[in-house]
Amino acid sequence: MSADLAAFPDRATVADKLGALGEGDEAYLRLLMENPQQDENLLEGLALHLDRAATARFLNSLKLERLGEWLGDAAPARLQIRLMEIARSSQHAAFAAFRAGLARSGGLERAYPKA
């Protein structure tokens, strides 16, 4: 039963929510981030969203930077390293824009402060 619950939502749904990122979508994603069992769904959805952005005809880098900032601020500490890993997984400009916003948020530094 718990395997079924963890499989919802699918990565396409998460990618769509990340793409829209309206007020309702932010609340939905915050709720998703509260449950560690949903981490894989969230991260797979993010990877799909960035892949879609990388293959799109028009690159909205400002929107991707804003997404990176929002995720860096909203995501719990347990996700910060994984978010940065996804951001660094490609040299494409879509990933670079997301990475810039993620770095600007300072989420990784807050989660793992320097000694």
PDB file of N, CA and C in Angstrom:
ATOM      1  N   MET A   1       0.817  -1.193   0.000  1.00  0.00           N
ATOM      2  CA  MET A   1       0.000   0.000   0.000  1.00  0.00           C
ATOM      3  C   MET A   1       0.858   1.253   0.000  1.00  0.00           C
ATOM      4  N   SER A   2       1.927   1.270   0.820  1.00  0.00           N
ATOM      5  CA  SER A   2       2.768   2.472   0.881  1.00  0.00           C
ATOM      6  C   SER A   2       3.537   2.691  -0.422  1.00  0.00           C
ATOM      7  N   ALA A   3       3.799   1.620  -1.164  1.00  0.00           N
ATOM      8  CA  ALA A   3       4.460   1.787  -2.458  1.00  0.00           C
ATOM      9  C   ALA A   3       3.548   2.528  -3.431  1.00  0.00           C
ATOM     10  N   ASP A   4       2.251   2.276  -3.336  1.00  0.00           N
ATOM     11  CA  ASP A   4       1.298   2.980  -4.186  1.00  0.00           C
ATOM     12  C   ASP A   4       1.231   4.456  -3.827  1.00  0.00           C
ATOM     13  N   LEU A   5       1.262   4.763  -2.541  1.00  0.00           N
ATOM     14  CA  LEU A   5       1.205   6.153  -2.103  1.00  0.00           C
ATOM     15  C   LEU A   5       2.450   6.916  -2.525  1.00  0.00           C
ATOM     16  N   ALA A   6       3.601   6.264  -2.467  1.00  0.00           N
ATOM     17  CA  ALA A   6       4.849   6.929  -2.842  1.00  0.00           C
ATOM     18  C   ALA A   6       4.914   7.160  -4.349  1.00  0.00           C
ATOM     19  N   ALA A   7       4.184   6.360  -5.137  1.00  0.00           N
ATOM     20  CA  ALA A   7       4.212   6.514  -6.582  1.00  0.00           C
ATOM     21  C   ALA A   7       3.353   7.683  -7.059  1.00  0.00           C
ATOM     22  N   PHE A   8       2.515   8.215  -6.180  1.00  0.00           N
ATOM     23  CA  PHE A   8       1.705   9.376  -6.539  1.00  0.00           C
ATOM     24  C   PHE A   8       2.322  10.599  -5.903  1.00  0.00           C
ATOM     25  N   PRO A   9       2.520  11.652  -6.564  1.00  0.00           N
ATOM     26  CA  PRO A   9       2.229  11.932  -7.962  1.00  0.00           C
ATOM     27  C   PRO A   9       3.361  11.435  -8.862  1.00  0.00           C
ATOM     28  N   ASP A  10       3.040  11.255 -10.117  1.00  0.00           N
ATOM     29  CA  ASP A  10       4.076  10.824 -11.044  1.00  0.00           C
ATOM     30  C   ASP A  10       4.969  12.010 -11.408  1.00  0.00           C
ATOM     31  N   ARG A  11       6.087  11.711 -12.031  1.00  0.00           N
ATOM     32  CA  ARG A  11       7.071  12.763 -12.326  1.00  0.00           C
ATOM     33  C   ARG A  11       6.546  13.798 -13.315  1.00  0.00           C
ATOM     34  N   ALA A  12       5.655  13.403 -14.204  1.00  0.00           N
ATOM     35  CA  ALA A  12       5.086  14.366 -15.155  1.00  0.00           C
ATOM     36  C   ALA A  12       4.224  15.396 -14.435  1.00  0.00           C
ATOM     37  N   THR A  13       3.464  14.956 -13.445  1.00  0.00           N
ATOM     38  CA  THR A  13       2.637  15.890 -12.670  1.00  0.00           C
ATOM     39  C   THR A  13       3.513  16.884 -11.930  1.00  0.00           C
ATOM     40  N   VAL A  14       4.577  16.384 -11.312  1.00  0.00           N
ATOM     41  CA  VAL A  14       5.497  17.260 -10.585  1.00  0.00           C
ATOM     42  C   VAL A  14       6.172  18.228 -11.550  1.00  0.00           C
ATOM     43  N   ALA A  15       6.579  17.747 -12.711  1.00  0.00           N
ATOM     44  CA  ALA A  15       7.214  18.609 -13.710  1.00  0.00           C
ATOM     45  C   ALA A  15       6.254  19.708 -14.160  1.00  0.00           C
ATOM     46  N   ASP A  16       4.991  19.374 -14.340  1.00  0.00           N
ATOM     47  CA  ASP A  16       3.991  20.374 -14.723  1.00  0.00           C
ATOM     48  C   ASP A  16       3.821  21.420 -13.635  1.00  0.00           C
ATOM     49  N   LYS A  17       3.791  20.992 -12.368  1.00  0.00           N
ATOM     50  CA  LYS A  17       3.650  21.926 -11.246  1.00  0.00           C
ATOM     51  C   LYS A  17       4.867  22.845 -11.165  1.00  0.00           C
ATOM     52  N   LEU A  18       6.059  22.291 -11.381  1.00  0.00           N
ATOM     53  CA  LEU A  18       7.280  23.111 -11.355  1.00  0.00           C
ATOM     54  C   LEU A  18       7.284  24.100 -12.507  1.00  0.00           C
ATOM     55  N   GLY A  19       6.745  23.700 -13.645  1.00  0.00           N
ATOM     56  CA  GLY A  19       6.691  24.590 -14.802  1.00  0.00           C
ATOM     57  C   GLY A  19       5.745  25.753 -14.603  1.00  0.00           C
ATOM     58  N   ALA A  20       4.615  25.489 -13.961  1.00  0.00           N
ATOM     59  CA  ALA A  20       3.631  26.555 -13.737  1.00  0.00           C
ATOM     60  C   ALA A  20       4.031  27.421 -12.544  1.00  0.00           C
ATOM     61  N   LEU A  21       4.328  26.799 -11.435  1.00  0.00           N
ATOM     62  CA  LEU A  21       4.766  27.418 -10.184  1.00  0.00           C
ATOM     63  C   LEU A  21       3.924  28.623  -9.787  1.00  0.00           C
ATOM     64  N   GLY A  22       2.620  28.420  -9.809  1.00  0.00           N
ATOM     65  CA  GLY A  22       1.711  29.431  -9.289  1.00  0.00           C
ATOM     66  C   GLY A  22       1.588  29.266  -7.780  1.00  0.00           C
ATOM     67  N   GLU A  23       0.733  30.049  -7.178  1.00  0.00           N
ATOM     68  CA  GLU A  23       0.572  29.999  -5.726  1.00  0.00           C
ATOM     69  C   GLU A  23       0.077  28.628  -5.264  1.00  0.00           C
ATOM     70  N   GLY A  24      -0.877  28.072  -5.977  1.00  0.00           N
ATOM     71  CA  GLY A  24      -1.386  26.741  -5.638  1.00  0.00           C
ATOM     72  C   GLY A  24      -0.349  25.660  -5.865  1.00  0.00           C
ATOM     73  N   ASP A  25       0.449  25.828  -6.914  1.00  0.00           N
ATOM     74  CA  ASP A  25       1.503  24.856  -7.207  1.00  0.00           C
ATOM     75  C   ASP A  25       2.576  24.879  -6.121  1.00  0.00           C
ATOM     76  N   GLU A  26       2.910  26.078  -5.621  1.00  0.00           N
ATOM     77  CA  GLU A  26       3.899  26.193  -4.557  1.00  0.00           C
ATOM     78  C   GLU A  26       3.417  25.468  -3.304  1.00  0.00           C
ATOM     79  N   ALA A  27       2.150  25.645  -2.956  1.00  0.00           N
ATOM     80  CA  ALA A  27       1.600  24.975  -1.776  1.00  0.00           C
ATOM     81  C   ALA A  27       1.639  23.459  -1.965  1.00  0.00           C
ATOM     82  N   TYR A  28       1.298  22.998  -3.154  1.00  0.00           N
ATOM     83  CA  TYR A  28       1.324  21.570  -3.463  1.00  0.00           C
ATOM     84  C   TYR A  28       2.746  21.014  -3.323  1.00  0.00           C
ATOM     85  N   LEU A  29       3.719  21.736  -3.870  1.00  0.00           N
ATOM     86  CA  LEU A  29       5.106  21.275  -3.819  1.00  0.00           C
ATOM     87  C   LEU A  29       5.668  21.327  -2.404  1.00  0.00           C
ATOM     88  N   ARG A  30       5.296  22.343  -1.625  1.00  0.00           N
ATOM     89  CA  ARG A  30       5.727  22.398  -0.219  1.00  0.00           C
ATOM     90  C   ARG A  30       5.198  21.186   0.543  1.00  0.00           C
ATOM     91  N   LEU A  31       3.947  20.837   0.303  1.00  0.00           N
ATOM     92  CA  LEU A  31       3.363  19.672   0.943  1.00  0.00           C
ATOM     93  C   LEU A  31       4.095  18.403   0.519  1.00  0.00           C
ATOM     94  N   LEU A  32       4.457  18.322  -0.723  1.00  0.00           N
ATOM     95  CA  LEU A  32       5.199  17.176  -1.244  1.00  0.00           C
ATOM     96  C   LEU A  32       6.570  17.065  -0.577  1.00  0.00           C
ATOM     97  N   MET A  33       7.221  18.209  -0.337  1.00  0.00           N
ATOM     98  CA  MET A  33       8.553  18.203   0.275  1.00  0.00           C
ATOM     99  C   MET A  33       8.529  17.857   1.757  1.00  0.00           C
ATOM    100  N   GLU A  34       7.381  17.940   2.387  1.00  0.00           N
ATOM    101  CA  GLU A  34       7.281  17.592   3.805  1.00  0.00           C
ATOM    102  C   GLU A  34       7.399  16.089   4.032  1.00  0.00           C
ATOM    103  N   ASN A  35       7.102  15.308   3.029  1.00  0.00           N
ATOM    104  CA  ASN A  35       7.098  13.856   3.149  1.00  0.00           C
ATOM    105  C   ASN A  35       8.355  13.267   2.505  1.00  0.00           C
ATOM    106  N   PRO A  36       9.290  12.739   3.305  1.00  0.00           N
ATOM    107  CA  PRO A  36      10.515  12.160   2.727  1.00  0.00           C
ATOM    108  C   PRO A  36      10.263  11.020   1.738  1.00  0.00           C
ATOM    109  N   GLN A  37       9.115  10.347   1.846  1.00  0.00           N
ATOM    110  CA  GLN A  37       8.806   9.264   0.917  1.00  0.00           C
ATOM    111  C   GLN A  37       8.561   9.795  -0.497  1.00  0.00           C
ATOM    112  N   GLN A  38       8.290  11.077  -0.629  1.00  0.00           N
ATOM    113  CA  GLN A  38       8.007  11.678  -1.932  1.00  0.00           C
ATOM    114  C   GLN A  38       9.248  12.294  -2.581  1.00  0.00           C
ATOM    115  N   ASP A  39      10.395  12.199  -1.928  1.00  0.00           N
ATOM    116  CA  ASP A  39      11.609  12.839  -2.440  1.00  0.00           C
ATOM    117  C   ASP A  39      11.951  12.397  -3.859  1.00  0.00           C
ATOM    118  N   GLU A  40      11.884  11.100  -4.119  1.00  0.00           N
ATOM    119  CA  GLU A  40      12.241  10.604  -5.455  1.00  0.00           C
ATOM    120  C   GLU A  40      11.292  11.145  -6.522  1.00  0.00           C
ATOM    121  N   ASN A  41      10.003  11.195  -6.201  1.00  0.00           N
ATOM    122  CA  ASN A  41       9.029  11.729  -7.163  1.00  0.00           C
ATOM    123  C   ASN A  41       9.325  13.197  -7.463  1.00  0.00           C
ATOM    124  N   LEU A  42       9.636  13.948  -6.423  1.00  0.00           N
ATOM    125  CA  LEU A  42       9.949  15.366  -6.600  1.00  0.00           C
ATOM    126  C   LEU A  42      11.204  15.547  -7.455  1.00  0.00           C
ATOM    127  N   LEU A  43      12.244  14.810  -7.138  1.00  0.00           N
ATOM    128  CA  LEU A  43      13.507  14.961  -7.865  1.00  0.00           C
ATOM    129  C   LEU A  43      13.409  14.464  -9.311  1.00  0.00           C
ATOM    130  N   GLU A  44      12.672  13.390  -9.537  1.00  0.00           N
ATOM    131  CA  GLU A  44      12.471  12.915 -10.913  1.00  0.00           C
ATOM    132  C   GLU A  44      11.644  13.920 -11.706  1.00  0.00           C
ATOM    133  N   GLY A  45      10.662  14.526 -11.064  1.00  0.00           N
ATOM    134  CA  GLY A  45       9.867  15.564 -11.720  1.00  0.00           C
ATOM    135  C   GLY A  45      10.704  16.787 -12.064  1.00  0.00           C
ATOM    136  N   LEU A  46      11.608  17.161 -11.164  1.00  0.00           N
ATOM    137  CA  LEU A  46      12.510  18.284 -11.433  1.00  0.00           C
ATOM    138  C   LEU A  46      13.422  17.973 -12.608  1.00  0.00           C
ATOM    139  N   ALA A  47      13.976  16.776 -12.627  1.00  0.00           N
ATOM    140  CA  ALA A  47      14.846  16.382 -13.739  1.00  0.00           C
ATOM    141  C   ALA A  47      14.077  16.412 -15.062  1.00  0.00           C
ATOM    142  N   LEU A  48      12.852  15.929 -15.051  1.00  0.00           N
ATOM    143  CA  LEU A  48      12.021  15.953 -16.262  1.00  0.00           C
ATOM    144  C   LEU A  48      11.742  17.392 -16.686  1.00  0.00           C
ATOM    145  N   HIS A  49      11.418  18.255 -15.731  1.00  0.00           N
ATOM    146  CA  HIS A  49      11.150  19.660 -16.051  1.00  0.00           C
ATOM    147  C   HIS A  49      12.378  20.323 -16.679  1.00  0.00           C
ATOM    148  N   LEU A  50      13.551  20.083 -16.118  1.00  0.00           N
ATOM    149  CA  LEU A  50      14.771  20.677 -16.676  1.00  0.00           C
ATOM    150  C   LEU A  50      15.100  20.103 -18.048  1.00  0.00           C
ATOM    151  N   ASP A  51      14.853  18.808 -18.233  1.00  0.00           N
ATOM    152  CA  ASP A  51      15.060  18.202 -19.556  1.00  0.00           C
ATOM    153  C   ASP A  51      14.111  18.803 -20.591  1.00  0.00           C
ATOM    154  N   ARG A  52      12.861  19.018 -20.189  1.00  0.00           N
ATOM    155  CA  ARG A  52      11.901  19.662 -21.096  1.00  0.00           C
ATOM    156  C   ARG A  52      12.362  21.071 -21.452  1.00  0.00           C
ATOM    157  N   ALA A  53      12.849  21.804 -20.454  1.00  0.00           N
ATOM    158  CA  ALA A  53      13.319  23.172 -20.699  1.00  0.00           C
ATOM    159  C   ALA A  53      14.532  23.172 -21.626  1.00  0.00           C
ATOM    160  N   ALA A  54      15.375  22.162 -21.488  1.00  0.00           N
ATOM    161  CA  ALA A  54      16.580  22.077 -22.321  1.00  0.00           C
ATOM    162  C   ALA A  54      16.244  21.778 -23.781  1.00  0.00           C
ATOM    163  N   THR A  55      15.132  21.110 -24.022  1.00  0.00           N
ATOM    164  CA  THR A  55      14.764  20.772 -25.401  1.00  0.00           C
ATOM    165  C   THR A  55      13.709  21.710 -25.984  1.00  0.00           C
ATOM    166  N   ALA A  56      13.261  22.664 -25.198  1.00  0.00           N
ATOM    167  CA  ALA A  56      12.238  23.604 -25.674  1.00  0.00           C
ATOM    168  C   ALA A  56      12.813  24.549 -26.730  1.00  0.00           C
ATOM    169  N   ARG A  57      11.942  25.108 -27.538  1.00  0.00           N
ATOM    170  CA  ARG A  57      12.376  26.041 -28.582  1.00  0.00           C
ATOM    171  C   ARG A  57      12.788  27.376 -27.981  1.00  0.00           C
ATOM    172  N   PHE A  58      12.202  27.725 -26.851  1.00  0.00           N
ATOM    173  CA  PHE A  58      12.489  28.995 -26.194  1.00  0.00           C
ATOM    174  C   PHE A  58      12.938  28.704 -24.768  1.00  0.00           C
ATOM    175  N   LEU A  59      14.079  29.254 -24.372  1.00  0.00           N
ATOM    176  CA  LEU A  59      14.614  29.045 -23.033  1.00  0.00           C
ATOM    177  C   LEU A  59      14.277  30.245 -22.162  1.00  0.00           C
ATOM    178  N   ASN A  60      13.465  30.033 -21.155  1.00  0.00           N
ATOM    179  CA  ASN A  60      13.094  31.096 -20.223  1.00  0.00           C
ATOM    180  C   ASN A  60      14.010  30.976 -19.004  1.00  0.00           C
ATOM    181  N   SER A  61      15.220  31.525 -19.127  1.00  0.00           N
ATOM    182  CA  SER A  61      16.209  31.365 -18.067  1.00  0.00           C
ATOM    183  C   SER A  61      15.807  32.094 -16.791  1.00  0.00           C
ATOM    184  N   LEU A  62      15.106  33.208 -16.909  1.00  0.00           N
ATOM    185  CA  LEU A  62      14.670  33.936 -15.719  1.00  0.00           C
ATOM    186  C   LEU A  62      13.708  33.083 -14.890  1.00  0.00           C
ATOM    187  N   LYS A  63      12.809  32.395 -15.550  1.00  0.00           N
ATOM    188  CA  LYS A  63      11.853  31.526 -14.857  1.00  0.00           C
ATOM    189  C   LYS A  63      12.578  30.356 -14.188  1.00  0.00           C
ATOM    190  N   LEU A  64      13.589  29.814 -14.852  1.00  0.00           N
ATOM    191  CA  LEU A  64      14.362  28.710 -14.274  1.00  0.00           C
ATOM    192  C   LEU A  64      15.188  29.176 -13.082  1.00  0.00           C
ATOM    193  N   GLU A  65      15.738  30.388 -13.168  1.00  0.00           N
ATOM    194  CA  GLU A  65      16.468  30.935 -12.022  1.00  0.00           C
ATOM    195  C   GLU A  65      15.533  31.130 -10.841  1.00  0.00           C
ATOM    196  N   ARG A  66      14.347  31.659 -11.111  1.00  0.00           N
ATOM    197  CA  ARG A  66      13.364  31.869 -10.051  1.00  0.00           C
ATOM    198  C   ARG A  66      12.955  30.536  -9.411  1.00  0.00           C
ATOM    199  N   LEU A  67      12.816  29.503 -10.230  1.00  0.00           N
ATOM    200  CA  LEU A  67      12.505  28.174  -9.714  1.00  0.00           C
ATOM    201  C   LEU A  67      13.629  27.680  -8.813  1.00  0.00           C
ATOM    202  N   GLY A  68      14.871  27.871  -9.238  1.00  0.00           N
ATOM    203  CA  GLY A  68      16.009  27.466  -8.424  1.00  0.00           C
ATOM    204  C   GLY A  68      16.046  28.190  -7.086  1.00  0.00           C
ATOM    205  N   GLU A  69      15.782  29.488  -7.119  1.00  0.00           N
ATOM    206  CA  GLU A  69      15.744  30.259  -5.871  1.00  0.00           C
ATOM    207  C   GLU A  69      14.631  29.769  -4.962  1.00  0.00           C
ATOM    208  N   TRP A  70      13.455  29.566  -5.534  1.00  0.00           N
ATOM    209  CA  TRP A  70      12.328  29.137  -4.722  1.00  0.00           C
ATOM    210  C   TRP A  70      12.598  27.763  -4.102  1.00  0.00           C
ATOM    211  N   LEU A  71      13.103  26.824  -4.903  1.00  0.00           N
ATOM    212  CA  LEU A  71      13.382  25.492  -4.366  1.00  0.00           C
ATOM    213  C   LEU A  71      14.478  25.537  -3.318  1.00  0.00           C
ATOM    214  N   GLY A  72      15.506  26.355  -3.543  1.00  0.00           N
ATOM    215  CA  GLY A  72      16.575  26.490  -2.562  1.00  0.00           C
ATOM    216  C   GLY A  72      16.073  27.028  -1.234  1.00  0.00           C
ATOM    217  N   ASP A  73      15.101  27.934  -1.299  1.00  0.00           N
ATOM    218  CA  ASP A  73      14.524  28.494  -0.076  1.00  0.00           C
ATOM    219  C   ASP A  73      13.521  27.542   0.570  1.00  0.00           C
ATOM    220  N   ALA A  74      12.745  26.833  -0.230  1.00  0.00           N
ATOM    221  CA  ALA A  74      11.630  26.040   0.296  1.00  0.00           C
ATOM    222  C   ALA A  74      12.005  24.607   0.668  1.00  0.00           C
ATOM    223  N   ALA A  75      12.996  24.040   0.001  1.00  0.00           N
ATOM    224  CA  ALA A  75      13.312  22.627   0.208  1.00  0.00           C
ATOM    225  C   ALA A  75      14.012  22.408   1.547  1.00  0.00           C
ATOM    226  N   PRO A  76      13.699  21.296   2.197  1.00  0.00           N
ATOM    227  CA  PRO A  76      14.372  20.974   3.456  1.00  0.00           C
ATOM    228  C   PRO A  76      15.839  20.610   3.225  1.00  0.00           C
ATOM    229  N   ALA A  77      16.601  20.610   4.290  1.00  0.00           N
ATOM    230  CA  ALA A  77      18.041  20.358   4.207  1.00  0.00           C
ATOM    231  C   ALA A  77      18.360  19.013   3.552  1.00  0.00           C
ATOM    232  N   ARG A  78      17.505  18.013   3.775  1.00  0.00           N
ATOM    233  CA  ARG A  78      17.801  16.679   3.230  1.00  0.00           C
ATOM    234  C   ARG A  78      17.820  16.661   1.699  1.00  0.00           C
ATOM    235  N   LEU A  79      17.197  17.652   1.063  1.00  0.00           N
ATOM    236  CA  LEU A  79      17.122  17.684  -0.399  1.00  0.00           C
ATOM    237  C   LEU A  79      18.163  18.596  -1.048  1.00  0.00           C
ATOM    238  N   GLN A  80      18.825  19.437  -0.291  1.00  0.00           N
ATOM    239  CA  GLN A  80      19.684  20.460  -0.879  1.00  0.00           C
ATOM    240  C   GLN A  80      20.822  19.890  -1.721  1.00  0.00           C
ATOM    241  N   ILE A  81      21.489  18.863  -1.249  1.00  0.00           N
ATOM    242  CA  ILE A  81      22.590  18.268  -2.031  1.00  0.00           C
ATOM    243  C   ILE A  81      22.046  17.630  -3.306  1.00  0.00           C
ATOM    244  N   ARG A  82      20.932  16.938  -3.204  1.00  0.00           N
ATOM    245  CA  ARG A  82      20.346  16.283  -4.382  1.00  0.00           C
ATOM    246  C   ARG A  82      19.902  17.308  -5.417  1.00  0.00           C
ATOM    247  N   LEU A  83      19.356  18.442  -4.954  1.00  0.00           N
ATOM    248  CA  LEU A  83      18.976  19.502  -5.887  1.00  0.00           C
ATOM    249  C   LEU A  83      20.201  20.015  -6.635  1.00  0.00           C
ATOM    250  N   MET A  84      21.288  20.230  -5.921  1.00  0.00           N
ATOM    251  CA  MET A  84      22.509  20.723  -6.570  1.00  0.00           C
ATOM    252  C   MET A  84      23.083  19.682  -7.522  1.00  0.00           C
ATOM    253  N   GLU A  85      22.979  18.400  -7.170  1.00  0.00           N
ATOM    254  CA  GLU A  85      23.439  17.345  -8.079  1.00  0.00           C
ATOM    255  C   GLU A  85      22.671  17.388  -9.399  1.00  0.00           C
ATOM    256  N   ILE A  86      21.362  17.569  -9.314  1.00  0.00           N
ATOM    257  CA  ILE A  86      20.551  17.659 -10.533  1.00  0.00           C
ATOM    258  C   ILE A  86      20.944  18.907 -11.321  1.00  0.00           C
ATOM    259  N   ALA A  87      21.143  20.013 -10.630  1.00  0.00           N
ATOM    260  CA  ALA A  87      21.506  21.269 -11.297  1.00  0.00           C
ATOM    261  C   ALA A  87      22.843  21.163 -12.021  1.00  0.00           C
ATOM    262  N   ARG A  88      23.732  20.350 -11.500  1.00  0.00           N
ATOM    263  CA  ARG A  88      25.064  20.196 -12.100  1.00  0.00           C
ATOM    264  C   ARG A  88      25.157  19.026 -13.068  1.00  0.00           C
ATOM    265  N   SER A  89      24.042  18.339 -13.314  1.00  0.00           N
ATOM    266  CA  SER A  89      24.082  17.140 -14.141  1.00  0.00           C
ATOM    267  C   SER A  89      24.216  17.425 -15.632  1.00  0.00           C
ATOM    268  N   SER A  90      24.103  18.680 -16.040  1.00  0.00           N
ATOM    269  CA  SER A  90      24.231  19.032 -17.450  1.00  0.00           C
ATOM    270  C   SER A  90      24.843  20.425 -17.574  1.00  0.00           C
ATOM    271  N   GLN A  91      25.496  20.668 -18.688  1.00  0.00           N
ATOM    272  CA  GLN A  91      26.072  21.983 -18.960  1.00  0.00           C
ATOM    273  C   GLN A  91      25.134  22.857 -19.780  1.00  0.00           C
ATOM    274  N   HIS A  92      23.958  22.356 -20.078  1.00  0.00           N
ATOM    275  CA  HIS A  92      22.989  23.114 -20.868  1.00  0.00           C
ATOM    276  C   HIS A  92      22.599  24.387 -20.131  1.00  0.00           C
ATOM    277  N   ALA A  93      22.244  25.412 -20.869  1.00  0.00           N
ATOM    278  CA  ALA A  93      21.887  26.703 -20.285  1.00  0.00           C
ATOM    279  C   ALA A  93      20.679  26.625 -19.355  1.00  0.00           C
ATOM    280  N   ALA A  94      19.764  25.700 -19.598  1.00  0.00           N
ATOM    281  CA  ALA A  94      18.606  25.541 -18.715  1.00  0.00           C
ATOM    282  C   ALA A  94      19.058  25.099 -17.325  1.00  0.00           C
ATOM    283  N   PHE A  95      19.965  24.145 -17.286  1.00  0.00           N
ATOM    284  CA  PHE A  95      20.490  23.676 -16.009  1.00  0.00           C
ATOM    285  C   PHE A  95      21.345  24.755 -15.350  1.00  0.00           C
ATOM    286  N   ALA A  96      22.092  25.502 -16.145  1.00  0.00           N
ATOM    287  CA  ALA A  96      22.924  26.582 -15.606  1.00  0.00           C
ATOM    288  C   ALA A  96      22.062  27.676 -14.969  1.00  0.00           C
ATOM    289  N   ALA A  97      20.954  28.007 -15.588  1.00  0.00           N
ATOM    290  CA  ALA A  97      20.056  29.024 -15.028  1.00  0.00           C
ATOM    291  C   ALA A  97      19.448  28.525 -13.718  1.00  0.00           C
ATOM    292  N   PHE A  98      19.016  27.274 -13.693  1.00  0.00           N
ATOM    293  CA  PHE A  98      18.475  26.703 -12.462  1.00  0.00           C
ATOM    294  C   PHE A  98      19.547  26.683 -11.371  1.00  0.00           C
ATOM    295  N   ARG A  99      20.754  26.293 -11.740  1.00  0.00           N
ATOM    296  CA  ARG A  99      21.875  26.233 -10.800  1.00  0.00           C
ATOM    297  C   ARG A  99      22.194  27.612 -10.231  1.00  0.00           C
ATOM    298  N   ALA A 100      22.136  28.649 -11.068  1.00  0.00           N
ATOM    299  CA  ALA A 100      22.412  30.014 -10.606  1.00  0.00           C
ATOM    300  C   ALA A 100      21.385  30.449  -9.562  1.00  0.00           C
ATOM    301  N   GLY A 101      20.125  30.167  -9.812  1.00  0.00           N
ATOM    302  CA  GLY A 101      19.083  30.509  -8.840  1.00  0.00           C
ATOM    303  C   GLY A 101      19.218  29.714  -7.556  1.00  0.00           C
ATOM    304  N   LEU A 102      19.555  28.442  -7.685  1.00  0.00           N
ATOM    305  CA  LEU A 102      19.736  27.582  -6.523  1.00  0.00           C
ATOM    306  C   LEU A 102      20.898  28.076  -5.669  1.00  0.00           C
ATOM    307  N   ALA A 103      21.982  28.454  -6.316  1.00  0.00           N
ATOM    308  CA  ALA A 103      23.141  28.975  -5.581  1.00  0.00           C
ATOM    309  C   ALA A 103      22.805  30.314  -4.920  1.00  0.00           C
ATOM    310  N   ARG A 104      22.058  31.158  -5.613  1.00  0.00           N
ATOM    311  CA  ARG A 104      21.691  32.464  -5.069  1.00  0.00           C
ATOM    312  C   ARG A 104      20.822  32.332  -3.822  1.00  0.00           C
ATOM    313  N   SER A 105      20.022  31.272  -3.751  1.00  0.00           N
ATOM    314  CA  SER A 105      19.135  31.077  -2.596  1.00  0.00           C
ATOM    315  C   SER A 105      19.917  30.799  -1.316  1.00  0.00           C
ATOM    316  N   GLY A 106      21.097  30.211  -1.437  1.00  0.00           N
ATOM    317  CA  GLY A 106      21.908  29.890  -0.262  1.00  0.00           C
ATOM    318  C   GLY A 106      21.393  28.703   0.519  1.00  0.00           C
ATOM    319  N   GLY A 107      20.514  27.907  -0.055  1.00  0.00           N
ATOM    320  CA  GLY A 107      19.945  26.756   0.638  1.00  0.00           C
ATOM    321  C   GLY A 107      20.965  25.719   1.052  1.00  0.00           C
ATOM    322  N   LEU A 108      21.925  25.456   0.183  1.00  0.00           N
ATOM    323  CA  LEU A 108      22.951  24.467   0.493  1.00  0.00           C
ATOM    324  C   LEU A 108      23.820  24.939   1.651  1.00  0.00           C
ATOM    325  N   GLU A 109      24.167  26.227   1.671  1.00  0.00           N
ATOM    326  CA  GLU A 109      24.989  26.775   2.744  1.00  0.00           C
ATOM    327  C   GLU A 109      24.242  26.775   4.071  1.00  0.00           C
ATOM    328  N   ARG A 110      22.917  27.023   4.036  1.00  0.00           N
ATOM    329  CA  ARG A 110      22.127  26.985   5.269  1.00  0.00           C
ATOM    330  C   ARG A 110      22.010  25.555   5.786  1.00  0.00           C
ATOM    331  N   ALA A 111      21.865  24.603   4.878  1.00  0.00           N
ATOM    332  CA  ALA A 111      21.698  23.214   5.274  1.00  0.00           C
ATOM    333  C   ALA A 111      23.011  22.634   5.814  1.00  0.00           C
ATOM    334  N   TYR A 112      24.103  23.020   5.215  1.00  0.00           N
ATOM    335  CA  TYR A 112      25.418  22.501   5.603  1.00  0.00           C
ATOM    336  C   TYR A 112      26.397  23.656   5.765  1.00  0.00           C
ATOM    337  N   PRO A 113      26.328  24.368   6.895  1.00  0.00           N
ATOM    338  CA  PRO A 113      27.214  25.528   7.096  1.00  0.00           C
ATOM    339  C   PRO A 113      28.678  25.100   7.185  1.00  0.00           C
ATOM    340  N   LYS A 114      29.544  25.998   6.752  1.00  0.00           N
ATOM    341  CA  LYS A 114      30.978  25.721   6.822  1.00  0.00           C
ATOM    342  C   LYS A 114      31.407  25.758   8.283  1.00  0.00           C
ATOM    343  N   ALA A 115      32.363  24.914   8.599  1.00  0.00           N
ATOM    344  CA  ALA A 115      32.815  24.801  10.004  1.00  0.00           C
ATOM    345  C   ALA A 115      33.610  25.974  10.476  1.00  0.00           C
TER     346      ALA A 115
END
